[in-house]
C-alpha cells in the first residue's frame, strides 16, 4: 500500500482508544459498559478488566484526584485500584460506584 492510500485510510478511520473516548462521553454507554464488566467479573473473577473500565469512566467524568477528594479516599490507593494493581474490598468498590452515581442491586438468578 502506498503512503497516499495509507494516509487516506487513516484519515477516515478511528483508533479503538479514540472511539472509546468518544463513546465514553455518553453516560448510558458508561452504564452499559460497567454493567457488562461487572457481570463478567462475577463470572470469571478477573477484577482487572472491571477496574480498567471503571478507570476509563472515572477519567471521562472527572479526575482521579477529584474523585478521591469527593469520596474522602487516598488518591494513590484509588489510582492503584483503578489501574488494577490492588483488588479493593467490596465496600470500597461500592463506594466508588456510588460516587459515580450508581447503586448495586441484587437479582435472583432464574432457575434452569
PDB file of N, CA and C in Angstrom:
ATOM      1  N   UNK A   1       0.850  -1.165   0.000  1.00  0.00           N
ATOM      2  CA  UNK A   1       0.000   0.000   0.000  1.00  0.00           C
ATOM      3  C   UNK A   1       0.900   1.233   0.000  1.00  0.00           C
ATOM      4  N   UNK A   2       0.563   2.175  -0.871  1.00  0.00           N
ATOM      5  CA  UNK A   2       1.382   3.386  -0.919  1.00  0.00           C
ATOM      6  C   UNK A   2       0.981   4.352   0.190  1.00  0.00           C
ATOM      7  N   UNK A   3       1.835   5.317   0.440  1.00  0.00           N
ATOM      8  CA  UNK A   3       1.638   6.260   1.543  1.00  0.00           C
ATOM      9  C   UNK A   3       0.355   7.068   1.382  1.00  0.00           C
ATOM     10  N   UNK A   4       0.024   7.465   0.166  1.00  0.00           N
ATOM     11  CA  UNK A   4      -1.182   8.263  -0.079  1.00  0.00           C
ATOM     12  C   UNK A   4      -2.435   7.472   0.304  1.00  0.00           C
ATOM     13  N   UNK A   5      -2.484   6.213  -0.089  1.00  0.00           N
ATOM     14  CA  UNK A   5      -3.623   5.354   0.253  1.00  0.00           C
ATOM     15  C   UNK A   5      -3.689   5.140   1.766  1.00  0.00           C
ATOM     16  N   UNK A   6      -2.549   4.874   2.358  1.00  0.00           N
ATOM     17  CA  UNK A   6      -2.478   4.681   3.808  1.00  0.00           C
ATOM     18  C   UNK A   6      -2.974   5.924   4.547  1.00  0.00           C
ATOM     19  N   UNK A   7      -2.518   7.102   4.145  1.00  0.00           N
ATOM     20  CA  UNK A   7      -2.933   8.356   4.785  1.00  0.00           C
ATOM     21  C   UNK A   7      -4.425   8.598   4.624  1.00  0.00           C
ATOM     22  N   UNK A   8      -4.970   8.253   3.452  1.00  0.00           N
ATOM     23  CA  UNK A   8      -6.409   8.430   3.233  1.00  0.00           C
ATOM     24  C   UNK A   8      -7.205   7.500   4.154  1.00  0.00           C
ATOM     25  N   UNK A   9      -6.791   6.235   4.225  1.00  0.00           N
ATOM     26  CA  UNK A   9      -7.482   5.282   5.104  1.00  0.00           C
ATOM     27  C   UNK A   9      -7.380   5.737   6.559  1.00  0.00           C
ATOM     28  N   UNK A  10      -6.213   6.167   6.957  1.00  0.00           N
ATOM     29  CA  UNK A  10      -6.007   6.622   8.336  1.00  0.00           C
ATOM     30  C   UNK A  10      -6.874   7.833   8.662  1.00  0.00           C
ATOM     31  N   UNK A  11      -7.068   8.723   7.699  1.00  0.00           N
ATOM     32  CA  UNK A  11      -7.842   9.943   7.937  1.00  0.00           C
ATOM     33  C   UNK A  11      -9.329   9.667   8.130  1.00  0.00           C
ATOM     34  N   UNK A  12      -9.820   8.526   7.616  1.00  0.00           N
ATOM     35  CA  UNK A  12     -11.252   8.237   7.742  1.00  0.00           C
ATOM     36  C   UNK A  12     -11.556   7.145   8.764  1.00  0.00           C
ATOM     37  N   UNK A  13     -10.533   6.665   9.463  1.00  0.00           N
ATOM     38  CA  UNK A  13     -10.747   5.651  10.491  1.00  0.00           C
ATOM     39  C   UNK A  13     -10.377   6.204  11.857  1.00  0.00           C
ATOM     40  N   UNK A  14     -10.882   5.563  12.891  1.00  0.00           N
ATOM     41  CA  UNK A  14     -10.584   5.957  14.262  1.00  0.00           C
ATOM     42  C   UNK A  14      -9.895   4.809  14.975  1.00  0.00           C
ATOM     43  N   UNK A  15      -9.001   5.146  15.870  1.00  0.00           N
ATOM     44  CA  UNK A  15      -8.377   4.108  16.683  1.00  0.00           C
ATOM     45  C   UNK A  15      -9.386   3.632  17.727  1.00  0.00           C
ATOM     46  N   UNK A  16      -9.129   2.475  18.275  1.00  0.00           N
ATOM     47  CA  UNK A  16     -10.002   1.951  19.334  1.00  0.00           C
ATOM     48  C   UNK A  16     -10.066   2.936  20.499  1.00  0.00           C
ATOM     49  N   UNK A  17      -8.932   3.470  20.898  1.00  0.00           N
ATOM     50  CA  UNK A  17      -8.898   4.424  22.019  1.00  0.00           C
ATOM     51  C   UNK A  17      -9.718   5.668  21.720  1.00  0.00           C
ATOM     52  N   UNK A  18      -9.593   6.193  20.504  1.00  0.00           N
ATOM     53  CA  UNK A  18     -10.366   7.381  20.130  1.00  0.00           C
ATOM     54  C   UNK A  18     -11.862   7.085  20.125  1.00  0.00           C
ATOM     55  N   UNK A  19     -12.226   5.939  19.594  1.00  0.00           N
ATOM     56  CA  UNK A  19     -13.632   5.549  19.560  1.00  0.00           C
ATOM     57  C   UNK A  19     -14.179   5.367  20.974  1.00  0.00           C
ATOM     58  N   UNK A  20     -13.420   4.699  21.834  1.00  0.00           N
ATOM     59  CA  UNK A  20     -13.864   4.515  23.221  1.00  0.00           C
ATOM     60  C   UNK A  20     -13.991   5.856  23.935  1.00  0.00           C
ATOM     61  N   UNK A  21     -13.036   6.744  23.731  1.00  0.00           N
ATOM     62  CA  UNK A  21     -13.098   8.055  24.378  1.00  0.00           C
ATOM     63  C   UNK A  21     -14.352   8.808  23.940  1.00  0.00           C
ATOM     64  N   UNK A  22     -14.688   8.694  22.668  1.00  0.00           N
ATOM     65  CA  UNK A  22     -15.893   9.334  22.144  1.00  0.00           C
ATOM     66  C   UNK A  22     -17.141   8.714  22.772  1.00  0.00           C
ATOM     67  N   UNK A  23     -17.196   7.395  22.792  1.00  0.00           N
ATOM     68  CA  UNK A  23     -18.364   6.711  23.366  1.00  0.00           C
ATOM     69  C   UNK A  23     -18.503   6.951  24.862  1.00  0.00           C
ATOM     70  N   UNK A  24     -17.383   7.092  25.551  1.00  0.00           N
ATOM     71  CA  UNK A  24     -17.417   7.288  27.000  1.00  0.00           C
ATOM     72  C   UNK A  24     -17.958   8.654  27.405  1.00  0.00           C
ATOM     73  N   UNK A  25     -18.196   9.524  26.459  1.00  0.00           N
ATOM     74  CA  UNK A  25     -18.828  10.801  26.771  1.00  0.00           C
ATOM     75  C   UNK A  25     -20.325  10.627  27.031  1.00  0.00           C
ATOM     76  N   UNK A  26     -20.852   9.474  26.649  1.00  0.00           N
ATOM     77  CA  UNK A  26     -22.262   9.172  26.815  1.00  0.00           C
ATOM     78  C   UNK A  26     -22.465   8.356  28.101  1.00  0.00           C
ATOM     79  N   UNK A  27     -23.234   8.904  29.043  1.00  0.00           N
ATOM     80  CA  UNK A  27     -23.425   8.222  30.326  1.00  0.00           C
ATOM     81  C   UNK A  27     -24.174   6.900  30.195  1.00  0.00           C
ATOM     82  N   UNK A  28     -25.040   6.756  29.211  1.00  0.00           N
ATOM     83  CA  UNK A  28     -25.724   5.479  29.001  1.00  0.00           C
ATOM     84  C   UNK A  28     -24.721   4.411  28.555  1.00  0.00           C
ATOM     85  N   UNK A  29     -23.769   4.793  27.709  1.00  0.00           N
ATOM     86  CA  UNK A  29     -22.725   3.859  27.303  1.00  0.00           C
ATOM     87  C   UNK A  29     -21.872   3.477  28.509  1.00  0.00           C
ATOM     88  N   UNK A  30     -21.524   4.461  29.338  1.00  0.00           N
ATOM     89  CA  UNK A  30     -20.739   4.192  30.549  1.00  0.00           C
ATOM     90  C   UNK A  30     -21.447   3.148  31.403  1.00  0.00           C
ATOM     91  N   UNK A  31     -22.729   3.370  31.627  1.00  0.00           N
ATOM     92  CA  UNK A  31     -23.529   2.454  32.448  1.00  0.00           C
ATOM     93  C   UNK A  31     -23.538   1.045  31.854  1.00  0.00           C
ATOM     94  N   UNK A  32     -23.835   0.946  30.559  1.00  0.00           N
ATOM     95  CA  UNK A  32     -23.920  -0.367  29.914  1.00  0.00           C
ATOM     96  C   UNK A  32     -22.575  -1.088  29.954  1.00  0.00           C
ATOM     97  N   UNK A  33     -21.501  -0.346  29.735  1.00  0.00           N
ATOM     98  CA  UNK A  33     -20.172  -0.949  29.729  1.00  0.00           C
ATOM     99  C   UNK A  33     -19.790  -1.442  31.118  1.00  0.00           C
ATOM    100  N   UNK A  34     -20.019  -0.602  32.143  1.00  0.00           N
ATOM    101  CA  UNK A  34     -19.704  -1.018  33.511  1.00  0.00           C
ATOM    102  C   UNK A  34     -20.547  -2.218  33.926  1.00  0.00           C
ATOM    103  N   UNK A  35     -21.811  -2.204  33.555  1.00  0.00           N
ATOM    104  CA  UNK A  35     -22.689  -3.325  33.902  1.00  0.00           C
ATOM    105  C   UNK A  35     -22.169  -4.624  33.285  1.00  0.00           C
ATOM    106  N   UNK A  36     -21.797  -4.571  32.018  1.00  0.00           N
ATOM    107  CA  UNK A  36     -21.255  -5.749  31.337  1.00  0.00           C
ATOM    108  C   UNK A  36     -19.970  -6.224  32.014  1.00  0.00           C
ATOM    109  N   UNK A  37     -19.107  -5.281  32.375  1.00  0.00           N
ATOM    110  CA  UNK A  37     -17.832  -5.645  33.015  1.00  0.00           C
ATOM    111  C   UNK A  37     -18.057  -6.242  34.405  1.00  0.00           C
ATOM    112  N   UNK A  38     -19.030  -5.734  35.136  1.00  0.00           N
ATOM    113  CA  UNK A  38     -19.348  -6.300  36.451  1.00  0.00           C
ATOM    114  C   UNK A  38     -19.863  -7.728  36.285  1.00  0.00           C
ATOM    115  N   UNK A  39     -20.751  -7.930  35.315  1.00  0.00           N
ATOM    116  CA  UNK A  39     -21.280  -9.268  35.080  1.00  0.00           C
ATOM    117  C   UNK A  39     -20.168 -10.238  34.703  1.00  0.00           C
ATOM    118  N   UNK A  40     -19.226  -9.788  33.876  1.00  0.00           N
ATOM    119  CA  UNK A  40     -18.088 -10.634  33.521  1.00  0.00           C
ATOM    120  C   UNK A  40     -17.219 -10.922  34.739  1.00  0.00           C
ATOM    121  N   UNK A  41     -17.020  -9.922  35.588  1.00  0.00           N
ATOM    122  CA  UNK A  41     -16.224 -10.090  36.807  1.00  0.00           C
ATOM    123  C   UNK A  41     -16.848 -11.158  37.701  1.00  0.00           C
ATOM    124  N   UNK A  42     -18.154 -11.129  37.843  1.00  0.00           N
ATOM    125  CA  UNK A  42     -18.849 -12.119  38.668  1.00  0.00           C
ATOM    126  C   UNK A  42     -18.645 -13.514  38.089  1.00  0.00           C
ATOM    127  N   UNK A  43     -18.638 -13.624  36.761  1.00  0.00           N
ATOM    128  CA  UNK A  43     -18.477 -14.925  36.100  1.00  0.00           C
ATOM    129  C   UNK A  43     -17.051 -15.452  36.141  1.00  0.00           C
ATOM    130  N   UNK A  44     -16.066 -14.579  35.861  1.00  0.00           N
ATOM    131  CA  UNK A  44     -14.695 -15.077  35.713  1.00  0.00           C
ATOM    132  C   UNK A  44     -13.724 -14.647  36.817  1.00  0.00           C
ATOM    133  N   UNK A  45     -14.155 -13.725  37.686  1.00  0.00           N
ATOM    134  CA  UNK A  45     -13.308 -13.313  38.802  1.00  0.00           C
ATOM    135  C   UNK A  45     -12.138 -12.420  38.430  1.00  0.00           C
ATOM    136  N   UNK A  46     -12.076 -11.951  37.184  1.00  0.00           N
ATOM    137  CA  UNK A  46     -10.982 -11.093  36.736  1.00  0.00           C
ATOM    138  C   UNK A  46     -11.324  -9.636  37.052  1.00  0.00           C
ATOM    139  N   UNK A  47     -10.858  -9.182  38.219  1.00  0.00           N
ATOM    140  CA  UNK A  47     -11.209  -7.825  38.636  1.00  0.00           C
ATOM    141  C   UNK A  47     -10.515  -6.764  37.793  1.00  0.00           C
ATOM    142  N   UNK A  48      -9.403  -7.077  37.189  1.00  0.00           N
ATOM    143  CA  UNK A  48      -8.629  -6.085  36.443  1.00  0.00           C
ATOM    144  C   UNK A  48      -9.419  -5.503  35.275  1.00  0.00           C
ATOM    145  N   UNK A  49     -10.183  -6.314  34.567  1.00  0.00           N
ATOM    146  CA  UNK A  49     -10.970  -5.824  33.436  1.00  0.00           C
ATOM    147  C   UNK A  49     -12.020  -4.836  33.921  1.00  0.00           C
ATOM    148  N   UNK A  50     -12.715  -5.187  34.996  1.00  0.00           N
ATOM    149  CA  UNK A  50     -13.727  -4.286  35.538  1.00  0.00           C
ATOM    150  C   UNK A  50     -13.104  -2.956  35.976  1.00  0.00           C
ATOM    151  N   UNK A  51     -11.975  -3.017  36.652  1.00  0.00           N
ATOM    152  CA  UNK A  51     -11.373  -1.780  37.143  1.00  0.00           C
ATOM    153  C   UNK A  51     -10.757  -0.937  36.041  1.00  0.00           C
ATOM    154  N   UNK A  52     -10.331  -1.558  34.936  1.00  0.00           N
ATOM    155  CA  UNK A  52      -9.887  -0.765  33.785  1.00  0.00           C
ATOM    156  C   UNK A  52     -11.068   0.004  33.203  1.00  0.00           C
ATOM    157  N   UNK A  53     -12.218  -0.650  33.128  1.00  0.00           N
ATOM    158  CA  UNK A  53     -13.428   0.017  32.645  1.00  0.00           C
ATOM    159  C   UNK A  53     -13.820   1.145  33.594  1.00  0.00           C
ATOM    160  N   UNK A  54     -13.764   0.860  34.878  1.00  0.00           N
ATOM    161  CA  UNK A  54     -14.097   1.874  35.876  1.00  0.00           C
ATOM    162  C   UNK A  54     -13.147   3.063  35.772  1.00  0.00           C
ATOM    163  N   UNK A  55     -11.874   2.789  35.553  1.00  0.00           N
ATOM    164  CA  UNK A  55     -10.878   3.845  35.379  1.00  0.00           C
ATOM    165  C   UNK A  55     -11.235   4.739  34.191  1.00  0.00           C
ATOM    166  N   UNK A  56     -11.625   4.132  33.077  1.00  0.00           N
ATOM    167  CA  UNK A  56     -11.973   4.921  31.886  1.00  0.00           C
ATOM    168  C   UNK A  56     -13.207   5.777  32.135  1.00  0.00           C
ATOM    169  N   UNK A  57     -14.184   5.237  32.864  1.00  0.00           N
ATOM    170  CA  UNK A  57     -15.397   6.009  33.168  1.00  0.00           C
ATOM    171  C   UNK A  57     -15.057   7.165  34.095  1.00  0.00           C
ATOM    172  N   UNK A  58     -14.262   6.897  35.123  1.00  0.00           N
ATOM    173  CA  UNK A  58     -13.851   7.971  36.042  1.00  0.00           C
ATOM    174  C   UNK A  58     -13.176   9.088  35.257  1.00  0.00           C
ATOM    175  N   UNK A  59     -12.232   8.735  34.399  1.00  0.00           N
ATOM    176  CA  UNK A  59     -11.484   9.746  33.650  1.00  0.00           C
ATOM    177  C   UNK A  59     -12.335  10.471  32.620  1.00  0.00           C
ATOM    178  N   UNK A  60     -13.425   9.849  32.156  1.00  0.00           N
ATOM    179  CA  UNK A  60     -14.345  10.525  31.241  1.00  0.00           C
ATOM    180  C   UNK A  60     -15.190  11.554  31.978  1.00  0.00           C
ATOM    181  N   UNK A  61     -15.397  11.332  33.280  1.00  0.00           N
ATOM    182  CA  UNK A  61     -16.258  12.218  34.066  1.00  0.00           C
ATOM    183  C   UNK A  61     -15.513  13.256  34.885  1.00  0.00           C
ATOM    184  N   UNK A  62     -14.356  12.879  35.403  1.00  0.00           N
ATOM    185  CA  UNK A  62     -13.649  13.728  36.355  1.00  0.00           C
ATOM    186  C   UNK A  62     -12.180  13.310  36.367  1.00  0.00           C
ATOM    187  N   UNK A  63     -11.470  13.689  37.407  1.00  0.00           N
ATOM    188  CA  UNK A  63     -10.094  13.214  37.580  1.00  0.00           C
ATOM    189  C   UNK A  63     -10.054  12.264  38.768  1.00  0.00           C
ATOM    190  N   UNK A  64      -9.021  11.441  38.797  1.00  0.00           N
ATOM    191  CA  UNK A  64      -8.849  10.530  39.927  1.00  0.00           C
ATOM    192  C   UNK A  64      -8.690  11.350  41.208  1.00  0.00           C
ATOM    193  N   UNK A  65      -7.938  12.440  41.129  1.00  0.00           N
ATOM    194  CA  UNK A  65      -7.730  13.293  42.309  1.00  0.00           C
ATOM    195  C   UNK A  65      -9.043  13.856  42.831  1.00  0.00           C
ATOM    196  N   UNK A  66      -9.890  14.329  41.918  1.00  0.00           N
ATOM    197  CA  UNK A  66     -11.168  14.911  42.347  1.00  0.00           C
ATOM    198  C   UNK A  66     -12.086  13.849  42.929  1.00  0.00           C
ATOM    199  N   UNK A  67     -12.148  12.681  42.297  1.00  0.00           N
ATOM    200  CA  UNK A  67     -12.999  11.616  42.823  1.00  0.00           C
ATOM    201  C   UNK A  67     -12.507  11.180  44.195  1.00  0.00           C
ATOM    202  N   UNK A  68     -11.194  11.050  44.357  1.00  0.00           N
ATOM    203  CA  UNK A  68     -10.634  10.671  45.659  1.00  0.00           C
ATOM    204  C   UNK A  68     -11.029  11.699  46.715  1.00  0.00           C
ATOM    205  N   UNK A  69     -10.941  12.951  46.363  1.00  0.00           N
ATOM    206  CA  UNK A  69     -11.329  14.013  47.300  1.00  0.00           C
ATOM    207  C   UNK A  69     -12.816  13.918  47.634  1.00  0.00           C
ATOM    208  N   UNK A  70     -13.652  13.740  46.607  1.00  0.00           N
ATOM    209  CA  UNK A  70     -15.107  13.642  46.816  1.00  0.00           C
ATOM    210  C   UNK A  70     -15.477  12.451  47.691  1.00  0.00           C
ATOM    211  N   UNK A  71     -14.708  11.352  47.552  1.00  0.00           N
ATOM    212  CA  UNK A  71     -15.007  10.131  48.305  1.00  0.00           C
ATOM    213  C   UNK A  71     -14.242  10.031  49.616  1.00  0.00           C
ATOM    214  N   UNK A  72     -13.408  11.040  49.891  1.00  0.00           N
ATOM    215  CA  UNK A  72     -12.565  11.035  51.078  1.00  0.00           C
ATOM    216  C   UNK A  72     -11.667   9.793  51.101  1.00  0.00           C
ATOM    217  N   UNK A  73     -11.024   9.552  49.950  1.00  0.00           N
ATOM    218  CA  UNK A  73     -10.120   8.409  49.798  1.00  0.00           C
ATOM    219  C   UNK A  73      -8.723   8.921  49.489  1.00  0.00           C
ATOM    220  N   UNK A  74      -7.745   8.080  49.749  1.00  0.00           N
ATOM    221  CA  UNK A  74      -6.372   8.387  49.384  1.00  0.00           C
ATOM    222  C   UNK A  74      -6.243   8.281  47.865  1.00  0.00           C
ATOM    223  N   UNK A  75      -5.719   9.323  47.209  1.00  0.00           N
ATOM    224  CA  UNK A  75      -5.608   9.347  45.756  1.00  0.00           C
ATOM    225  C   UNK A  75      -4.741   8.207  45.229  1.00  0.00           C
ATOM    226  N   UNK A  76      -3.645   7.940  45.911  1.00  0.00           N
ATOM    227  CA  UNK A  76      -2.748   6.863  45.484  1.00  0.00           C
ATOM    228  C   UNK A  76      -3.426   5.509  45.530  1.00  0.00           C
ATOM    229  N   UNK A  77      -4.182   5.259  46.590  1.00  0.00           N
ATOM    230  CA  UNK A  77      -4.908   3.985  46.703  1.00  0.00           C
ATOM    231  C   UNK A  77      -5.969   3.866  45.613  1.00  0.00           C
ATOM    232  N   UNK A  78      -6.708   4.956  45.379  1.00  0.00           N
ATOM    233  CA  UNK A  78      -7.733   4.934  44.346  1.00  0.00           C
ATOM    234  C   UNK A  78      -7.093   4.673  42.984  1.00  0.00           C
ATOM    235  N   UNK A  79      -5.980   5.307  42.716  1.00  0.00           N
ATOM    236  CA  UNK A  79      -5.272   5.111  41.457  1.00  0.00           C
ATOM    237  C   UNK A  79      -4.822   3.661  41.294  1.00  0.00           C
ATOM    238  N   UNK A  80      -4.300   3.063  42.348  1.00  0.00           N
ATOM    239  CA  UNK A  80      -3.883   1.656  42.285  1.00  0.00           C
ATOM    240  C   UNK A  80      -5.057   0.721  42.039  1.00  0.00           C
ATOM    241  N   UNK A  81      -6.208   1.045  42.634  1.00  0.00           N
ATOM    242  CA  UNK A  81      -7.420   0.250  42.417  1.00  0.00           C
ATOM    243  C   UNK A  81      -7.834   0.356  40.950  1.00  0.00           C
ATOM    244  N   UNK A  82      -7.920   1.584  40.454  1.00  0.00           N
ATOM    245  CA  UNK A  82      -8.374   1.792  39.081  1.00  0.00           C
ATOM    246  C   UNK A  82      -7.399   1.239  38.046  1.00  0.00           C
ATOM    247  N   UNK A  83      -6.141   1.136  38.397  1.00  0.00           N
ATOM    248  CA  UNK A  83      -5.152   0.560  37.492  1.00  0.00           C
ATOM    249  C   UNK A  83      -5.054  -0.961  37.625  1.00  0.00           C
ATOM    250  N   UNK A  84      -5.887  -1.544  38.502  1.00  0.00           N
ATOM    251  CA  UNK A  84      -5.917  -2.997  38.655  1.00  0.00           C
ATOM    252  C   UNK A  84      -4.743  -3.562  39.434  1.00  0.00           C
ATOM    253  N   UNK A  85      -4.018  -2.713  40.148  1.00  0.00           N
ATOM    254  CA  UNK A  85      -2.849  -3.190  40.900  1.00  0.00           C
ATOM    255  C   UNK A  85      -3.239  -3.822  42.221  1.00  0.00           C
ATOM    256  N   UNK A  86      -4.332  -3.341  42.809  1.00  0.00           N
ATOM    257  CA  UNK A  86      -4.834  -3.935  44.045  1.00  0.00           C
ATOM    258  C   UNK A  86      -6.335  -4.159  43.912  1.00  0.00           C
ATOM    259  N   UNK A  87      -6.795  -5.259  44.459  1.00  0.00           N
ATOM    260  CA  UNK A  87      -8.234  -5.547  44.450  1.00  0.00           C
ATOM    261  C   UNK A  87      -8.833  -4.998  45.741  1.00  0.00           C
ATOM    262  N   UNK A  88      -9.772  -4.075  45.615  1.00  0.00           N
ATOM    263  CA  UNK A  88     -10.336  -3.463  46.818  1.00  0.00           C
ATOM    264  C   UNK A  88     -11.364  -4.360  47.495  1.00  0.00           C
ATOM    265  N   UNK A  89     -11.685  -4.002  48.713  1.00  0.00           N
ATOM    266  CA  UNK A  89     -12.790  -4.651  49.405  1.00  0.00           C
ATOM    267  C   UNK A  89     -14.081  -4.263  48.681  1.00  0.00           C
ATOM    268  N   UNK A  90     -15.102  -5.075  48.845  1.00  0.00           N
ATOM    269  CA  UNK A  90     -16.394  -4.771  48.217  1.00  0.00           C
ATOM    270  C   UNK A  90     -16.897  -3.394  48.644  1.00  0.00           C
ATOM    271  N   UNK A  91     -16.699  -3.070  49.901  1.00  0.00           N
ATOM    272  CA  UNK A  91     -17.146  -1.786  50.432  1.00  0.00           C
ATOM    273  C   UNK A  91     -16.533  -0.628  49.638  1.00  0.00           C
ATOM    274  N   UNK A  92     -15.266  -0.752  49.298  1.00  0.00           N
ATOM    275  CA  UNK A  92     -14.587   0.299  48.546  1.00  0.00           C
ATOM    276  C   UNK A  92     -15.098   0.358  47.115  1.00  0.00           C
ATOM    277  N   UNK A  93     -15.300  -0.791  46.489  1.00  0.00           N
ATOM    278  CA  UNK A  93     -15.844  -0.822  45.123  1.00  0.00           C
ATOM    279  C   UNK A  93     -17.221  -0.176  45.082  1.00  0.00           C
ATOM    280  N   UNK A  94     -18.061  -0.497  46.074  1.00  0.00           N
ATOM    281  CA  UNK A  94     -19.391   0.101  46.146  1.00  0.00           C
ATOM    282  C   UNK A  94     -19.299   1.613  46.355  1.00  0.00           C
ATOM    283  N   UNK A  95     -18.351   2.044  47.152  1.00  0.00           N
ATOM    284  CA  UNK A  95     -18.153   3.470  47.420  1.00  0.00           C
ATOM    285  C   UNK A  95     -17.791   4.214  46.133  1.00  0.00           C
ATOM    286  N   UNK A  96     -16.918   3.623  45.326  1.00  0.00           N
ATOM    287  CA  UNK A  96     -16.523   4.233  44.057  1.00  0.00           C
ATOM    288  C   UNK A  96     -17.724   4.314  43.118  1.00  0.00           C
ATOM    289  N   UNK A  97     -18.456   3.213  42.994  1.00  0.00           N
ATOM    290  CA  UNK A  97     -19.624   3.201  42.121  1.00  0.00           C
ATOM    291  C   UNK A  97     -20.676   4.205  42.588  1.00  0.00           C
ATOM    292  N   UNK A  98     -20.888   4.270  43.883  1.00  0.00           N
ATOM    293  CA  UNK A  98     -21.850   5.226  44.427  1.00  0.00           C
ATOM    294  C   UNK A  98     -21.402   6.657  44.132  1.00  0.00           C
ATOM    295  N   UNK A  99     -20.107   6.915  44.244  1.00  0.00           N
ATOM    296  CA  UNK A  99     -19.566   8.235  43.943  1.00  0.00           C
ATOM    297  C   UNK A  99     -19.767   8.640  42.496  1.00  0.00           C
ATOM    298  N   UNK A 100     -19.911   7.646  41.627  1.00  0.00           N
ATOM    299  CA  UNK A 100     -20.174   7.917  40.208  1.00  0.00           C
ATOM    300  C   UNK A 100     -21.668   7.964  39.906  1.00  0.00           C
ATOM    301  N   UNK A 101     -22.484   7.751  40.934  1.00  0.00           N
ATOM    302  CA  UNK A 101     -23.928   7.846  40.751  1.00  0.00           C
ATOM    303  C   UNK A 101     -24.628   6.528  40.499  1.00  0.00           C
ATOM    304  N   UNK A 102     -23.969   5.414  40.801  1.00  0.00           N
ATOM    305  CA  UNK A 102     -24.563   4.099  40.595  1.00  0.00           C
ATOM    306  C   UNK A 102     -24.914   3.472  41.933  1.00  0.00           C
ATOM    307  N   UNK A 103     -25.787   2.472  41.867  1.00  0.00           N
ATOM    308  CA  UNK A 103     -26.072   1.656  43.037  1.00  0.00           C
ATOM    309  C   UNK A 103     -26.074   0.200  42.596  1.00  0.00           C
ATOM    310  N   UNK A 104     -25.798  -0.675  43.518  1.00  0.00           N
ATOM    311  CA  UNK A 104     -25.767  -2.106  43.238  1.00  0.00           C
ATOM    312  C   UNK A 104     -27.076  -2.719  43.731  1.00  0.00           C
ATOM    313  N   UNK A 105     -27.674  -3.539  42.880  1.00  0.00           N
ATOM    314  CA  UNK A 105     -28.871  -4.262  43.285  1.00  0.00           C
ATOM    315  C   UNK A 105     -28.616  -5.749  43.097  1.00  0.00           C
ATOM    316  N   UNK A 106     -29.298  -6.534  43.878  1.00  0.00           N
ATOM    317  CA  UNK A 106     -29.149  -7.981  43.831  1.00  0.00           C
ATOM    318  C   UNK A 106     -30.400  -8.559  43.170  1.00  0.00           C
ATOM    319  N   UNK A 107     -30.185  -9.427  42.193  1.00  0.00           N
ATOM    320  CA  UNK A 107     -31.289 -10.054  41.486  1.00  0.00           C
ATOM    321  C   UNK A 107     -31.154 -11.562  41.585  1.00  0.00           C
ATOM    322  N   UNK A 108     -32.270 -12.230  41.852  1.00  0.00           N
ATOM    323  CA  UNK A 108     -32.252 -13.694  41.937  1.00  0.00           C
ATOM    324  C   UNK A 108     -32.062 -14.278  40.542  1.00  0.00           C
ATOM    325  N   UNK A 109     -31.152 -15.223  40.438  1.00  0.00           N
ATOM    326  CA  UNK A 109     -30.877 -15.887  39.179  1.00  0.00           C
ATOM    327  C   UNK A 109     -32.059 -16.768  38.798  1.00  0.00           C
ATOM    328  N   UNK A 110     -32.423 -16.739  37.539  1.00  0.00           N
ATOM    329  CA  UNK A 110     -33.527 -17.568  37.061  1.00  0.00           C
ATOM    330  C   UNK A 110     -33.155 -19.038  37.161  1.00  0.00           C
ATOM    331  N   UNK A 111     -34.119 -19.873  37.511  1.00  0.00           N
ATOM    332  CA  UNK A 111     -33.882 -21.310  37.603  1.00  0.00           C
ATOM    333  C   UNK A 111     -33.686 -21.900  36.223  1.00  0.00           C
ATOM    334  N   UNK A 112     -32.825 -22.904  36.167  1.00  0.00           N
ATOM    335  CA  UNK A 112     -32.553 -23.531  34.866  1.00  0.00           C
ATOM    336  C   UNK A 112     -33.614 -24.522  34.494  1.00  0.00           C
TER     337      UNK A 112
END
